């Protein structure tokens, strides 16, 4: 999978808005399964916002 680019502006919102940006970037790039997988992984594994952001970066290229 070629990771889509996603502009994440941390000062713009909380981790939930960042998840939304990444989710939409994946869906728009034709990766709806990966988008759902990323959200599920964050919900089940992320103990804090930093770890959630690491998961997001595994799915999208942050620009």
N, C-alpha and C. Protein backbone atom coordinates (compact mmCIF):
# COMPACT_ATOMS: atom_id res chain seq x y z
N UNK A 1 0.83 -1.18 0.00
CA UNK A 1 0.00 0.00 0.00
C UNK A 1 0.88 1.24 0.00
N UNK A 2 0.59 2.15 -0.90
CA UNK A 2 1.25 3.44 -0.91
C UNK A 2 0.47 4.36 0.00
N UNK A 3 1.13 4.86 1.02
CA UNK A 3 0.44 5.69 2.01
C UNK A 3 0.06 7.03 1.40
N UNK A 4 -1.21 7.43 1.58
CA UNK A 4 -1.60 8.74 1.09
C UNK A 4 -1.05 9.85 1.97
N UNK A 5 -0.93 11.05 1.39
CA UNK A 5 -0.47 12.20 2.16
C UNK A 5 -1.64 12.79 2.93
N UNK A 6 -1.34 13.29 4.12
CA UNK A 6 -2.37 13.85 4.97
C UNK A 6 -1.77 15.00 5.76
N UNK A 7 -2.40 16.16 5.67
CA UNK A 7 -1.94 17.31 6.43
C UNK A 7 -2.58 17.25 7.81
N UNK A 8 -1.76 17.09 8.83
CA UNK A 8 -2.23 17.05 10.21
C UNK A 8 -1.70 18.27 10.93
N UNK A 9 -2.59 19.10 11.38
CA UNK A 9 -2.20 20.29 12.12
C UNK A 9 -2.61 20.07 13.56
N UNK A 10 -1.64 19.70 14.39
CA UNK A 10 -1.93 19.31 15.77
C UNK A 10 -2.57 20.44 16.57
N UNK A 11 -2.18 21.67 16.30
CA UNK A 11 -2.75 22.77 17.08
C UNK A 11 -4.21 23.02 16.72
N UNK A 12 -4.65 22.42 15.63
CA UNK A 12 -6.00 22.64 15.14
C UNK A 12 -7.06 21.85 15.92
N UNK A 13 -6.65 20.79 16.58
CA UNK A 13 -7.67 20.01 17.27
C UNK A 13 -7.09 18.88 18.08
N UNK A 14 -7.97 18.08 18.59
CA UNK A 14 -7.56 16.96 19.43
C UNK A 14 -7.31 15.72 18.58
N UNK A 15 -7.01 14.64 19.24
CA UNK A 15 -6.65 13.40 18.52
C UNK A 15 -7.82 12.90 17.69
N UNK A 16 -9.04 13.16 18.11
CA UNK A 16 -10.20 12.69 17.36
C UNK A 16 -10.31 13.41 16.01
N UNK A 17 -9.99 14.68 15.97
CA UNK A 17 -10.02 15.38 14.69
C UNK A 17 -8.88 14.91 13.79
N UNK A 18 -7.72 14.61 14.38
CA UNK A 18 -6.61 14.07 13.60
C UNK A 18 -6.95 12.71 13.02
N UNK A 19 -7.64 11.90 13.83
CA UNK A 19 -8.10 10.60 13.33
C UNK A 19 -9.04 10.80 12.14
N UNK A 20 -9.90 11.79 12.22
CA UNK A 20 -10.83 12.08 11.14
C UNK A 20 -10.12 12.50 9.86
N UNK A 21 -9.10 13.36 9.98
CA UNK A 21 -8.33 13.77 8.81
C UNK A 21 -7.68 12.56 8.15
N UNK A 22 -7.05 11.72 8.95
CA UNK A 22 -6.37 10.54 8.41
C UNK A 22 -7.37 9.56 7.81
N UNK A 23 -8.50 9.37 8.48
CA UNK A 23 -9.56 8.48 7.99
C UNK A 23 -10.03 8.94 6.61
N UNK A 24 -10.30 10.23 6.47
CA UNK A 24 -10.77 10.77 5.20
C UNK A 24 -9.70 10.68 4.11
N UNK A 25 -8.44 10.90 4.47
CA UNK A 25 -7.36 10.79 3.49
C UNK A 25 -7.27 9.36 2.96
N UNK A 26 -7.39 8.38 3.85
CA UNK A 26 -7.34 6.98 3.42
C UNK A 26 -8.53 6.63 2.53
N UNK A 27 -9.72 7.05 2.92
CA UNK A 27 -10.91 6.76 2.12
C UNK A 27 -10.83 7.41 0.74
N UNK A 28 -10.40 8.66 0.69
CA UNK A 28 -10.30 9.37 -0.59
C UNK A 28 -9.24 8.77 -1.51
N UNK A 29 -8.24 8.14 -0.91
CA UNK A 29 -7.17 7.51 -1.69
C UNK A 29 -7.54 6.09 -2.11
N UNK A 30 -8.73 5.64 -1.73
CA UNK A 30 -9.18 4.30 -2.13
C UNK A 30 -8.83 3.20 -1.16
N UNK A 31 -8.63 3.56 0.11
CA UNK A 31 -8.28 2.57 1.12
C UNK A 31 -9.30 2.56 2.26
N UNK A 32 -10.56 2.27 1.97
CA UNK A 32 -11.58 2.29 3.04
C UNK A 32 -11.36 1.22 4.10
N UNK A 33 -10.85 0.06 3.70
CA UNK A 33 -10.59 -1.01 4.68
C UNK A 33 -9.50 -0.57 5.65
N UNK A 34 -8.44 0.03 5.13
CA UNK A 34 -7.34 0.49 5.97
C UNK A 34 -7.79 1.61 6.90
N UNK A 35 -8.71 2.45 6.42
CA UNK A 35 -9.24 3.53 7.25
C UNK A 35 -9.95 2.96 8.47
N UNK A 36 -10.80 1.96 8.25
CA UNK A 36 -11.52 1.32 9.36
C UNK A 36 -10.56 0.57 10.27
N UNK A 37 -9.56 -0.08 9.67
CA UNK A 37 -8.56 -0.82 10.43
C UNK A 37 -7.78 0.12 11.35
N UNK A 38 -7.41 1.30 10.83
CA UNK A 38 -6.66 2.28 11.62
C UNK A 38 -7.47 2.73 12.83
N UNK A 39 -8.74 3.06 12.62
CA UNK A 39 -9.59 3.51 13.72
C UNK A 39 -9.73 2.40 14.76
N UNK A 40 -9.95 1.17 14.32
CA UNK A 40 -10.09 0.06 15.25
C UNK A 40 -8.81 -0.16 16.05
N UNK A 41 -7.67 -0.03 15.38
CA UNK A 41 -6.38 -0.21 16.07
C UNK A 41 -6.16 0.87 17.12
N UNK A 42 -6.50 2.10 16.78
CA UNK A 42 -6.34 3.20 17.74
C UNK A 42 -7.24 2.96 18.95
N UNK A 43 -8.47 2.60 18.69
CA UNK A 43 -9.42 2.38 19.79
C UNK A 43 -9.02 1.23 20.70
N UNK A 44 -8.40 0.20 20.13
CA UNK A 44 -8.07 -0.96 20.94
C UNK A 44 -6.68 -0.92 21.56
N UNK A 45 -5.73 -0.22 20.92
CA UNK A 45 -4.34 -0.27 21.37
C UNK A 45 -3.79 1.01 21.97
N UNK A 46 -4.29 2.15 21.51
CA UNK A 46 -3.68 3.43 21.93
C UNK A 46 -4.08 3.77 23.35
N UNK A 47 -3.08 3.92 24.20
CA UNK A 47 -3.30 4.29 25.60
C UNK A 47 -3.23 5.80 25.81
N UNK A 48 -2.67 6.52 24.80
CA UNK A 48 -2.58 7.98 24.90
C UNK A 48 -2.53 8.57 23.49
N UNK A 49 -2.58 9.87 23.41
CA UNK A 49 -2.61 10.56 22.12
C UNK A 49 -1.32 10.37 21.32
N UNK A 50 -0.20 10.30 22.00
CA UNK A 50 1.07 10.11 21.30
C UNK A 50 1.10 8.77 20.58
N UNK A 51 0.63 7.72 21.26
CA UNK A 51 0.62 6.41 20.62
C UNK A 51 -0.40 6.38 19.48
N UNK A 52 -1.53 7.05 19.65
CA UNK A 52 -2.52 7.13 18.58
C UNK A 52 -1.92 7.82 17.36
N UNK A 53 -1.15 8.86 17.58
CA UNK A 53 -0.51 9.57 16.47
C UNK A 53 0.51 8.68 15.76
N UNK A 54 1.22 7.85 16.50
CA UNK A 54 2.15 6.90 15.89
C UNK A 54 1.40 5.93 14.98
N UNK A 55 0.26 5.46 15.42
CA UNK A 55 -0.55 4.55 14.60
C UNK A 55 -1.01 5.27 13.33
N UNK A 56 -1.47 6.50 13.47
CA UNK A 56 -1.91 7.27 12.30
C UNK A 56 -0.76 7.39 11.29
N UNK A 57 0.45 7.66 11.79
CA UNK A 57 1.61 7.81 10.90
C UNK A 57 1.98 6.52 10.20
N UNK A 58 1.54 5.37 10.73
CA UNK A 58 1.78 4.10 10.05
C UNK A 58 0.89 3.95 8.81
N UNK A 59 -0.18 4.71 8.77
CA UNK A 59 -1.15 4.60 7.68
C UNK A 59 -1.09 5.74 6.67
N UNK A 60 -0.64 6.92 7.08
CA UNK A 60 -0.58 8.06 6.17
C UNK A 60 0.78 8.75 6.29
N UNK A 61 1.19 9.43 5.22
CA UNK A 61 2.38 10.26 5.25
C UNK A 61 1.95 11.64 5.71
N UNK A 62 2.43 12.05 6.83
CA UNK A 62 2.06 13.35 7.40
C UNK A 62 2.88 14.43 6.68
N UNK A 63 2.16 15.42 6.17
CA UNK A 63 2.83 16.53 5.47
C UNK A 63 2.55 17.83 6.20
